């Protein structure tokens, strides 16, 4: 199995009971998944995107994590995602990572 260079996780607020009801979900994080996937393809990045359960960072939602860097980003939207993906393409960490 080939391992991608980057793995992007996006909080979708899924709960054990299966119902998404957290801040990230209410701020439409799920709709960002398709945007990220399209941008990864358009930019020819070796990356995969996955949705996650609640990441317990609701005050910063929607939350996105980029591995292997281990950088957490909060309050992501399409503009911020573009900045993060630009940084990935340039081999650097984007500004605005959560501390």
C-alpha atoms as a PDB file:
ATOM      1  CA  UNK A   1       0.000   0.000   0.000  1.00  0.00           C
ATOM      2  CA  UNK A   2       1.315   3.427  -0.916  1.00  0.00           C
ATOM      3  CA  UNK A   3       1.426   5.960   1.882  1.00  0.00           C
ATOM      4  CA  UNK A   4       0.676   9.596   0.951  1.00  0.00           C
ATOM      5  CA  UNK A   5       3.179  12.284   1.854  1.00  0.00           C
ATOM      6  CA  UNK A   6       0.502  14.210   3.774  1.00  0.00           C
ATOM      7  CA  UNK A   7      -2.696  13.238   5.544  1.00  0.00           C
ATOM      8  CA  UNK A   8      -5.232  15.976   6.260  1.00  0.00           C
ATOM      9  CA  UNK A   9      -7.822  15.387   8.953  1.00  0.00           C
ATOM     10  CA  UNK A  10     -10.927  17.557   9.215  1.00  0.00           C
ATOM     11  CA  UNK A  11     -13.159  17.491  12.288  1.00  0.00           C
ATOM     12  CA  UNK A  12     -16.687  16.553  11.291  1.00  0.00           C
ATOM     13  CA  UNK A  13     -17.952  16.334  14.892  1.00  0.00           C
ATOM     14  CA  UNK A  14     -19.084  12.719  14.574  1.00  0.00           C
ATOM     15  CA  UNK A  15     -20.045  11.193  17.910  1.00  0.00           C
ATOM     16  CA  UNK A  16     -19.982   7.568  19.038  1.00  0.00           C
ATOM     17  CA  UNK A  17     -23.754   7.415  18.665  1.00  0.00           C
ATOM     18  CA  UNK A  18     -23.250   8.431  15.021  1.00  0.00           C
ATOM     19  CA  UNK A  19     -24.875  11.842  15.054  1.00  0.00           C
ATOM     20  CA  UNK A  20     -22.779  14.866  14.095  1.00  0.00           C
ATOM     21  CA  UNK A  21     -23.795  17.739  16.331  1.00  0.00           C
ATOM     22  CA  UNK A  22     -20.683  19.661  17.320  1.00  0.00           C
ATOM     23  CA  UNK A  23     -19.352  23.104  16.464  1.00  0.00           C
ATOM     24  CA  UNK A  24     -17.302  21.986  13.463  1.00  0.00           C
ATOM     25  CA  UNK A  25     -20.320  20.282  11.925  1.00  0.00           C
ATOM     26  CA  UNK A  26     -22.518  23.348  12.532  1.00  0.00           C
ATOM     27  CA  UNK A  27     -19.842  25.483  10.857  1.00  0.00           C
ATOM     28  CA  UNK A  28     -20.115  23.202   7.800  1.00  0.00           C
ATOM     29  CA  UNK A  29     -16.762  21.431   8.075  1.00  0.00           C
ATOM     30  CA  UNK A  30     -18.134  18.529   6.026  1.00  0.00           C
ATOM     31  CA  UNK A  31     -18.588  20.815   3.008  1.00  0.00           C
ATOM     32  CA  UNK A  32     -14.889  21.696   3.264  1.00  0.00           C
ATOM     33  CA  UNK A  33     -13.898  18.073   2.587  1.00  0.00           C
ATOM     34  CA  UNK A  34     -14.843  18.246  -1.101  1.00  0.00           C
ATOM     35  CA  UNK A  35     -13.136  21.629  -1.449  1.00  0.00           C
ATOM     36  CA  UNK A  36      -9.905  20.232   0.037  1.00  0.00           C
ATOM     37  CA  UNK A  37     -10.072  17.107  -2.142  1.00  0.00           C
ATOM     38  CA  UNK A  38     -10.541  19.193  -5.294  1.00  0.00           C
ATOM     39  CA  UNK A  39      -7.673  21.518  -4.350  1.00  0.00           C
ATOM     40  CA  UNK A  40      -5.349  18.579  -3.598  1.00  0.00           C
ATOM     41  CA  UNK A  41      -6.003  17.201  -7.079  1.00  0.00           C
ATOM     42  CA  UNK A  42      -5.703  20.609  -8.783  1.00  0.00           C
ATOM     43  CA  UNK A  43      -2.397  21.310  -7.008  1.00  0.00           C
ATOM     44  CA  UNK A  44      -1.088  17.784  -7.643  1.00  0.00           C
ATOM     45  CA  UNK A  45      -0.304  17.274  -3.949  1.00  0.00           C
ATOM     46  CA  UNK A  46       0.486  13.815  -2.607  1.00  0.00           C
ATOM     47  CA  UNK A  47      -2.124  14.041   0.158  1.00  0.00           C
ATOM     48  CA  UNK A  48      -5.274  12.357   1.405  1.00  0.00           C
ATOM     49  CA  UNK A  49      -8.136  13.947   3.315  1.00  0.00           C
ATOM     50  CA  UNK A  50     -10.268  12.254   5.964  1.00  0.00           C
ATOM     51  CA  UNK A  51     -13.107  13.362   8.218  1.00  0.00           C
ATOM     52  CA  UNK A  52     -12.873  12.628  11.920  1.00  0.00           C
ATOM     53  CA  UNK A  53     -14.933  12.450  15.040  1.00  0.00           C
ATOM     54  CA  UNK A  54     -14.874  15.341  17.473  1.00  0.00           C
ATOM     55  CA  UNK A  55     -11.316  16.579  18.091  1.00  0.00           C
ATOM     56  CA  UNK A  56     -12.305  18.385  21.316  1.00  0.00           C
ATOM     57  CA  UNK A  57     -11.218  21.812  20.030  1.00  0.00           C
ATOM     58  CA  UNK A  58     -14.718  23.233  19.593  1.00  0.00           C
ATOM     59  CA  UNK A  59     -13.706  26.791  20.462  1.00  0.00           C
ATOM     60  CA  UNK A  60     -11.474  26.766  17.357  1.00  0.00           C
ATOM     61  CA  UNK A  61     -13.815  24.975  14.932  1.00  0.00           C
ATOM     62  CA  UNK A  62     -13.722  23.969  12.197  1.00  0.00           C
ATOM     63  CA  UNK A  63     -10.411  22.255  12.979  1.00  0.00           C
ATOM     64  CA  UNK A  64      -7.976  20.696  10.501  1.00  0.00           C
ATOM     65  CA  UNK A  65      -4.763  18.729  11.199  1.00  0.00           C
ATOM     66  CA  UNK A  66      -1.948  18.100   8.724  1.00  0.00           C
ATOM     67  CA  UNK A  67       0.333  15.088   9.165  1.00  0.00           C
ATOM     68  CA  UNK A  68       3.176  14.190   9.300  1.00  0.00           C
ATOM     69  CA  UNK A  69       3.844  17.761  10.431  1.00  0.00           C
ATOM     70  CA  UNK A  70       1.287  17.432  13.222  1.00  0.00           C
ATOM     71  CA  UNK A  71       0.062  21.001  12.716  1.00  0.00           C
ATOM     72  CA  UNK A  72      -3.421  21.878  13.977  1.00  0.00           C
ATOM     73  CA  UNK A  73      -5.359  24.724  12.356  1.00  0.00           C
ATOM     74  CA  UNK A  74      -8.519  26.332  13.673  1.00  0.00           C
ATOM     75  CA  UNK A  75     -11.377  28.314  12.214  1.00  0.00           C
ATOM     76  CA  UNK A  76     -10.581  26.967   8.767  1.00  0.00           C
ATOM     77  CA  UNK A  77     -12.471  28.170   5.731  1.00  0.00           C
ATOM     78  CA  UNK A  78     -11.671  28.033   2.009  1.00  0.00           C
ATOM     79  CA  UNK A  79      -9.280  31.000   2.227  1.00  0.00           C
ATOM     80  CA  UNK A  80      -7.327  29.511   5.123  1.00  0.00           C
ATOM     81  CA  UNK A  81      -7.299  26.097   3.439  1.00  0.00           C
ATOM     82  CA  UNK A  82      -5.726  27.700   0.362  1.00  0.00           C
ATOM     83  CA  UNK A  83      -2.973  29.172   2.552  1.00  0.00           C
ATOM     84  CA  UNK A  84      -2.365  25.810   4.224  1.00  0.00           C
ATOM     85  CA  UNK A  85      -2.257  23.921   0.925  1.00  0.00           C
ATOM     86  CA  UNK A  86       0.071  26.565  -0.559  1.00  0.00           C
ATOM     87  CA  UNK A  87       2.403  25.988   2.393  1.00  0.00           C
ATOM     88  CA  UNK A  88       2.270  22.217   1.951  1.00  0.00           C
ATOM     89  CA  UNK A  89       3.141  22.619  -1.730  1.00  0.00           C
ATOM     90  CA  UNK A  90       6.093  24.834  -0.786  1.00  0.00           C
ATOM     91  CA  UNK A  91       7.328  22.438   1.900  1.00  0.00           C
ATOM     92  CA  UNK A  92       6.645  24.724   4.844  1.00  0.00           C
ATOM     93  CA  UNK A  93       4.180  25.081   7.709  1.00  0.00           C
ATOM     94  CA  UNK A  94       1.404  27.623   7.239  1.00  0.00           C
ATOM     95  CA  UNK A  95       1.041  30.511   9.638  1.00  0.00           C
ATOM     96  CA  UNK A  96      -1.851  30.386  12.028  1.00  0.00           C
ATOM     97  CA  UNK A  97      -1.385  26.901  13.443  1.00  0.00           C
ATOM     98  CA  UNK A  98      -2.979  26.330  16.830  1.00  0.00           C
ATOM     99  CA  UNK A  99      -0.432  26.427  19.650  1.00  0.00           C
END
